[in-house]
Amino acid sequence: QVRLVESGGGLVQTGGSLTLSCAASGTIFSINAMGWHRQAPGKQRELVANITSGGNTNYADSVKGRFTISRDNAKNTVYLQMNSLKPEDTAVYYCNADIRGTRIFAERRFWGQGTQVTVSS
């Protein structure tokens, strides 16, 4: 069915930048909201940012002014531009997308496998 594949994670120094990408593929009818969550060791998964199909965005307070979420609907891809990275940004980042398949009408949330972002001090 539908798959979400993240890329762009890695190791970066404090103050550096990194861009994450997440591409959806498969039997997709439509994609509504897309977004990013992250999970640090020993902590719950938390919302980082989301973007609606119309381009409205929402950010966690901890990343406002530093991260930018965007999407390319033609490529079924969502991006997360991360600037001024801090050690506390270290986590596994998961993309998500609310998708209707070509066969199944009901919308459901799909998740990527996650990509590791490590920020060194």
Protein backbone atom coordinates (compact mmCIF):
# COMPACT_ATOMS: atom_id res chain seq x y z
CA GLN A 1 0.00 0.00 0.00
CA VAL A 2 1.37 3.39 1.04
CA ARG A 3 4.91 3.97 2.21
CA LEU A 4 6.62 7.00 3.71
CA VAL A 5 10.40 7.12 3.41
CA GLU A 6 12.46 9.69 5.30
CA SER A 7 15.91 10.89 4.36
CA GLY A 8 18.37 13.59 5.36
CA GLY A 9 19.11 12.68 8.95
CA GLY A 10 22.62 12.61 10.30
CA LEU A 11 25.14 14.15 12.64
CA VAL A 12 25.54 17.90 12.89
CA GLN A 13 27.21 20.32 15.29
CA THR A 14 25.34 22.75 17.50
CA GLY A 15 24.21 25.72 15.44
CA GLY A 16 24.26 23.78 12.21
CA SER A 17 21.48 23.04 9.76
CA LEU A 18 19.88 19.94 8.36
CA THR A 19 17.01 19.28 5.99
CA LEU A 20 14.78 16.25 6.27
CA SER A 21 12.67 14.91 3.43
CA CYS A 22 9.80 12.45 3.46
CA ALA A 23 8.31 11.06 0.27
CA ALA A 24 5.04 9.19 0.12
CA SER A 25 4.55 6.53 -2.52
CA GLY A 26 2.08 3.83 -3.40
CA THR A 27 -1.60 3.70 -4.28
CA ILE A 28 -2.41 7.22 -3.13
CA PHE A 29 -5.68 8.97 -3.86
CA SER A 30 -5.05 12.13 -1.88
CA ILE A 31 -2.92 13.50 0.93
CA ASN A 32 -4.30 15.88 3.51
CA ALA A 33 -2.09 17.06 6.36
CA MET A 34 1.58 16.09 6.62
CA GLY A 35 3.96 16.60 9.48
CA TRP A 36 6.89 15.64 11.63
CA HIS A 37 7.18 14.20 15.12
CA ARG A 38 10.27 13.29 17.07
CA GLN A 39 11.16 10.96 19.90
CA ALA A 40 14.20 11.36 22.10
CA PRO A 41 15.54 8.49 24.24
CA GLY A 42 13.31 7.90 27.25
CA LYS A 43 10.71 10.42 26.12
CA GLN A 44 7.34 10.31 24.42
CA ARG A 45 6.91 11.11 20.77
CA GLU A 46 6.08 14.79 20.35
CA LEU A 47 4.81 16.99 17.57
CA VAL A 48 7.44 19.08 15.82
CA ALA A 49 5.47 20.65 12.97
CA ASN A 50 2.59 20.00 10.65
CA ILE A 51 1.27 21.49 7.44
CA THR A 52 -2.18 21.27 5.91
CA SER A 53 -2.93 20.63 2.27
CA GLY A 54 -3.58 24.36 1.93
CA GLY A 55 -0.19 25.30 3.35
CA ASN A 56 -1.13 26.35 6.87
CA THR A 57 1.61 25.47 9.35
CA ASN A 58 1.91 24.78 13.05
CA TYR A 59 5.06 24.40 15.14
CA ALA A 60 6.00 23.25 18.60
CA ASP A 61 7.13 26.16 20.75
CA SER A 62 10.57 24.63 21.09
CA VAL A 63 11.28 24.88 17.36
CA LYS A 64 9.50 28.09 16.37
CA GLY A 65 11.80 30.44 14.51
CA ARG A 66 14.32 27.69 13.82
CA PHE A 67 12.46 25.03 11.84
CA THR A 68 10.43 25.41 8.67
CA ILE A 69 8.03 22.83 7.30
CA SER A 70 7.06 22.81 3.64
CA ARG A 71 5.62 20.43 1.07
CA ASP A 72 5.71 19.68 -2.62
CA ASN A 73 2.35 18.22 -3.52
CA ALA A 74 3.48 17.19 -7.00
CA LYS A 75 6.14 14.99 -5.41
CA ASN A 76 4.05 13.87 -2.41
CA THR A 77 6.89 15.09 -0.25
CA VAL A 78 7.15 17.02 3.00
CA TYR A 79 10.32 18.75 4.16
CA LEU A 80 11.67 19.99 7.46
CA GLN A 81 14.38 22.63 7.29
CA MET A 82 16.15 22.74 10.64
CA ASN A 83 18.41 25.65 11.51
CA SER A 84 20.27 26.67 14.66
CA LEU A 85 20.20 23.10 15.87
CA LYS A 86 20.66 22.36 19.56
CA PRO A 87 21.64 19.16 21.38
CA GLU A 88 18.08 18.90 22.69
CA ASP A 89 16.92 18.47 19.09
CA THR A 90 18.60 15.07 19.07
CA ALA A 91 15.93 12.46 18.39
CA VAL A 92 14.50 10.09 15.86
CA TYR A 93 12.32 12.12 13.53
CA TYR A 94 9.20 10.54 12.05
CA CYS A 95 7.16 11.96 9.22
CA ASN A 96 3.44 11.43 8.98
CA ALA A 97 0.78 11.92 6.36
CA ASP A 98 -2.99 11.63 6.39
CA ILE A 99 -3.75 9.69 3.23
CA ARG A 100 -6.63 8.18 1.33
CA GLY A 101 -5.66 5.20 -0.80
CA THR A 102 -6.97 4.55 -4.28
CA ARG A 103 -8.98 1.59 -2.98
CA ILE A 104 -9.68 2.40 0.67
CA PHE A 105 -11.69 5.60 1.04
CA ALA A 106 -11.23 6.19 4.75
CA GLU A 107 -8.36 8.50 5.61
CA ARG A 108 -5.66 7.14 7.87
CA ARG A 109 -2.37 8.39 9.24
CA PHE A 110 0.76 6.79 7.87
CA TRP A 111 4.15 6.98 9.52
CA GLY A 112 7.67 6.74 8.22
CA GLN A 113 10.28 4.49 9.76
CA GLY A 114 12.17 7.40 11.27
CA THR A 115 15.51 9.05 10.67
CA GLN A 116 18.10 9.80 13.33
CA VAL A 117 19.17 13.39 13.95
CA THR A 118 22.08 13.86 16.32
CA VAL A 119 23.31 17.30 17.36
CA SER A 120 26.68 17.38 19.08
CA SER A 121 27.66 20.05 21.58
